[in-house]
Amino acid sequence: MRKKLLLLIFFLLLVTSFFYFVLPSFMSLGNKKEPPSPPCLTKTQTLLINGSSLSPLLENNSEITALLNHYSCHEIERNDLVLYKYSGNKNPLIKIARGIPGDRFEIKDDNIYINTTLLKNSENNPYILDSRAKTMLSLYINDYKGIIPKDTYLLLGNQTSGSLDSTRFGLVSRDDILGKATF
């Protein structure tokens, strides 16, 4: 009788230990918490527009506020004014995010269409592509089957005949976008 009691106590200790020590470690294997993400540190800077590609929305020498690093914590939205790090330029370019990841884009009759809608500037005029711009954008349309890939953007000025924008340098990686511009 005494042996049975000792075996029962041993068994209960074993089961209790299992539930107290072993089971919780197995339960937490799939629930490991990610380390906290770094805080969103946006640096604000005042800049002057250099050029007329955003006219009449923003004129040459207009003052804007640059929210540098804004997109490390926020999504780039359609029609955001963005600061783009363009190779060879000391100052960033300021352009409008006209196409965002997942958008379908195509060229018809010298115009750009985003999600089957004719793309227009702030004055409601359609963008008109010359042969060089059509060639540049057609490369991306062919490579990506007409879909703007993840973390990639179509950046345009406000001039319907083009400017130093995606019609000249192609789609832009999120990594090259420095921040958001406001005025």
Protein backbone atom coordinates (compact mmCIF):
# COMPACT_ATOMS: atom_id res chain seq x y z
CA MET A 1 0.00 0.00 0.00
CA ARG A 2 2.83 2.30 0.88
CA LYS A 3 4.50 1.62 -2.51
CA LYS A 4 1.30 2.56 -4.35
CA LEU A 5 1.03 5.81 -2.39
CA LEU A 6 4.65 6.70 -3.18
CA LEU A 7 4.13 5.88 -6.86
CA LEU A 8 0.99 8.03 -6.91
CA ILE A 9 2.83 10.97 -5.28
CA PHE A 10 5.73 10.54 -7.71
CA PHE A 11 3.31 10.44 -10.66
CA LEU A 12 1.49 13.58 -9.44
CA LEU A 13 4.83 15.40 -9.02
CA LEU A 14 5.86 14.35 -12.50
CA VAL A 15 2.57 15.52 -14.06
CA THR A 16 2.64 18.79 -12.09
CA SER A 17 6.23 19.44 -13.16
CA PHE A 18 5.28 18.79 -16.76
CA PHE A 19 2.42 21.30 -16.64
CA TYR A 20 4.42 23.86 -14.70
CA PHE A 21 7.82 23.72 -16.44
CA VAL A 22 7.71 21.87 -19.75
CA LEU A 23 4.32 22.69 -21.31
CA PRO A 24 4.64 26.51 -21.05
CA SER A 25 7.94 26.47 -22.95
CA PHE A 26 6.36 24.43 -25.77
CA MET A 27 3.32 26.73 -25.84
CA SER A 28 5.45 29.83 -26.26
CA LEU A 29 7.52 28.52 -29.19
CA GLY A 30 5.13 29.94 -31.81
CA ASN A 31 4.34 33.05 -29.80
CA LYS A 32 7.73 34.68 -29.55
CA LYS A 33 7.34 38.41 -29.54
CA GLU A 34 9.18 40.45 -32.13
CA PRO A 35 11.53 43.03 -30.73
CA PRO A 36 9.91 46.46 -30.68
CA SER A 37 10.43 48.47 -33.83
CA PRO A 38 12.50 51.62 -33.55
CA PRO A 39 10.51 54.80 -33.00
CA CYS A 40 9.53 56.83 -36.02
CA LEU A 41 12.00 59.70 -36.08
CA THR A 42 10.95 62.29 -38.63
CA LYS A 43 13.30 65.20 -39.14
CA THR A 44 11.68 68.42 -40.38
CA GLN A 45 13.56 70.73 -42.71
CA THR A 46 12.56 73.76 -44.79
CA LEU A 47 13.59 73.60 -48.46
CA LEU A 48 13.13 75.80 -51.52
CA ILE A 49 11.77 74.40 -54.77
CA ASN A 50 14.37 74.60 -57.52
CA GLY A 51 12.63 74.31 -60.87
CA SER A 52 9.22 74.43 -62.45
CA SER A 53 8.24 70.76 -62.79
CA LEU A 54 5.49 71.16 -60.17
CA SER A 55 4.15 74.45 -61.53
CA PRO A 56 1.49 75.79 -60.98
CA LEU A 57 1.07 73.57 -57.91
CA LEU A 58 4.42 74.79 -56.57
CA GLU A 59 6.47 77.49 -58.28
CA ASN A 60 10.24 77.91 -58.44
CA ASN A 61 11.61 79.18 -55.08
CA SER A 62 8.44 78.13 -53.21
CA GLU A 63 9.10 76.99 -49.67
CA ILE A 64 8.16 73.47 -48.60
CA THR A 65 8.54 71.50 -45.40
CA ALA A 66 10.44 68.27 -45.81
CA LEU A 67 9.44 65.45 -43.47
CA LEU A 68 12.60 63.37 -43.79
CA ASN A 69 12.30 59.69 -42.87
CA HIS A 70 8.49 60.02 -42.78
CA TYR A 71 8.02 56.85 -44.82
CA SER A 72 9.94 54.65 -42.42
CA CYS A 73 6.70 54.61 -40.40
CA HIS A 74 4.04 55.55 -42.97
CA GLU A 75 2.93 54.23 -46.32
CA ILE A 76 3.46 56.29 -49.44
CA GLU A 77 0.03 57.22 -50.72
CA ARG A 78 -1.11 58.16 -54.18
CA ASN A 79 -0.59 61.90 -54.84
CA ASP A 80 1.85 62.39 -51.96
CA LEU A 81 4.57 64.90 -52.70
CA VAL A 82 7.76 62.94 -52.14
CA LEU A 83 11.44 63.79 -51.93
CA TYR A 84 13.44 61.52 -54.19
CA LYS A 85 17.21 60.96 -54.02
CA TYR A 86 18.19 61.22 -57.67
CA SER A 87 21.70 60.10 -58.54
CA GLY A 88 23.96 62.99 -59.41
CA ASN A 89 21.76 65.68 -57.83
CA LYS A 90 22.91 67.42 -54.67
CA ASN A 91 19.33 68.29 -53.73
CA PRO A 92 16.43 65.82 -53.78
CA LEU A 93 13.80 66.00 -56.49
CA ILE A 94 10.25 66.73 -55.39
CA LYS A 95 7.69 64.71 -57.33
CA ILE A 96 4.15 63.40 -57.03
CA ALA A 97 3.55 59.69 -56.35
CA ARG A 98 1.12 58.95 -59.19
CA GLY A 99 1.47 55.16 -59.25
CA ILE A 100 1.83 52.93 -56.19
CA PRO A 101 2.58 49.22 -55.72
CA GLY A 102 -0.12 46.98 -57.15
CA ASP A 103 -1.43 49.57 -59.61
CA ARG A 104 -1.96 48.45 -63.19
CA PHE A 105 -0.33 50.90 -65.57
CA GLU A 106 -0.33 51.10 -69.34
CA ILE A 107 0.27 53.46 -72.23
CA LYS A 108 -2.43 54.16 -74.81
CA ASP A 109 -2.33 56.87 -77.46
CA ASP A 110 0.66 58.66 -75.86
CA ASN A 111 -1.06 58.80 -72.44
CA ILE A 112 -0.52 56.99 -69.12
CA TYR A 113 -3.37 55.04 -67.58
CA ILE A 114 -3.38 53.91 -63.96
CA ASN A 115 -5.96 51.23 -63.13
CA THR A 116 -7.68 51.97 -66.48
CA THR A 117 -8.06 55.69 -65.63
CA LEU A 118 -6.36 58.37 -67.72
CA LEU A 119 -3.67 59.98 -65.54
CA LYS A 120 -4.03 63.76 -65.24
CA ASN A 121 -2.09 66.51 -63.49
CA SER A 122 -3.40 68.97 -60.86
CA GLU A 123 -5.01 71.08 -63.61
CA ASN A 124 -6.91 68.06 -64.95
CA ASN A 125 -4.78 67.80 -68.10
CA PRO A 126 -3.57 64.37 -69.24
CA TYR A 127 0.13 63.54 -69.27
CA ILE A 128 1.36 63.26 -72.87
CA LEU A 129 4.36 61.01 -73.49
CA ASP A 130 6.97 61.59 -76.17
CA SER A 131 8.68 58.60 -77.79
CA ARG A 132 11.54 58.56 -75.25
CA ALA A 133 9.13 58.54 -72.28
CA LYS A 134 7.00 55.82 -73.91
CA THR A 135 10.10 53.70 -74.45
CA MET A 136 11.23 54.12 -70.83
CA LEU A 137 7.86 53.25 -69.28
CA SER A 138 7.22 50.44 -71.78
CA LEU A 139 10.29 48.64 -70.43
CA TYR A 140 8.65 48.49 -67.00
CA ILE A 141 5.25 47.59 -68.40
CA ASN A 142 6.83 44.64 -70.24
CA ASP A 143 9.06 43.53 -67.36
CA TYR A 144 6.32 43.69 -64.71
CA LYS A 145 3.36 42.78 -66.92
CA GLY A 146 1.82 46.20 -66.36
CA ILE A 147 1.73 45.98 -62.55
CA ILE A 148 3.81 48.32 -60.39
CA PRO A 149 5.83 45.99 -58.12
CA LYS A 150 6.06 46.05 -54.33
CA ASP A 151 8.02 49.01 -52.90
CA THR A 152 8.15 50.71 -56.31
CA TYR A 153 6.53 53.97 -57.42
CA LEU A 154 5.72 56.03 -60.51
CA LEU A 155 6.84 59.60 -59.70
CA LEU A 156 5.81 62.47 -61.96
CA GLY A 157 6.05 66.23 -62.02
CA ASN A 158 3.01 68.36 -62.76
CA GLN A 159 4.05 69.23 -66.33
CA THR A 160 1.98 67.19 -68.77
CA SER A 161 4.78 67.14 -71.34
CA GLY A 162 7.19 65.65 -68.82
CA SER A 163 10.05 66.67 -66.57
CA LEU A 164 12.92 64.95 -64.80
CA ASP A 165 10.66 62.20 -63.43
CA SER A 166 9.73 58.55 -64.01
CA THR A 167 9.22 59.29 -67.71
CA ARG A 168 13.02 59.80 -67.85
CA PHE A 169 14.44 57.61 -65.07
CA GLY A 170 11.77 54.92 -64.69
CA LEU A 171 10.00 53.52 -61.64
CA VAL A 172 11.54 54.38 -58.28
CA SER A 173 12.42 52.17 -55.32
CA ARG A 174 11.01 53.07 -51.90
CA ASP A 175 14.62 53.01 -50.64
CA ASP A 176 15.37 56.13 -52.71
CA ILE A 177 12.47 58.14 -51.33
CA LEU A 178 13.79 60.38 -48.55
CA GLY A 179 10.53 61.70 -47.17
CA LYS A 180 7.33 63.62 -47.68
CA ALA A 181 6.99 67.27 -48.75
CA THR A 182 4.24 69.57 -47.51
CA PHE A 183 3.48 73.20 -48.26
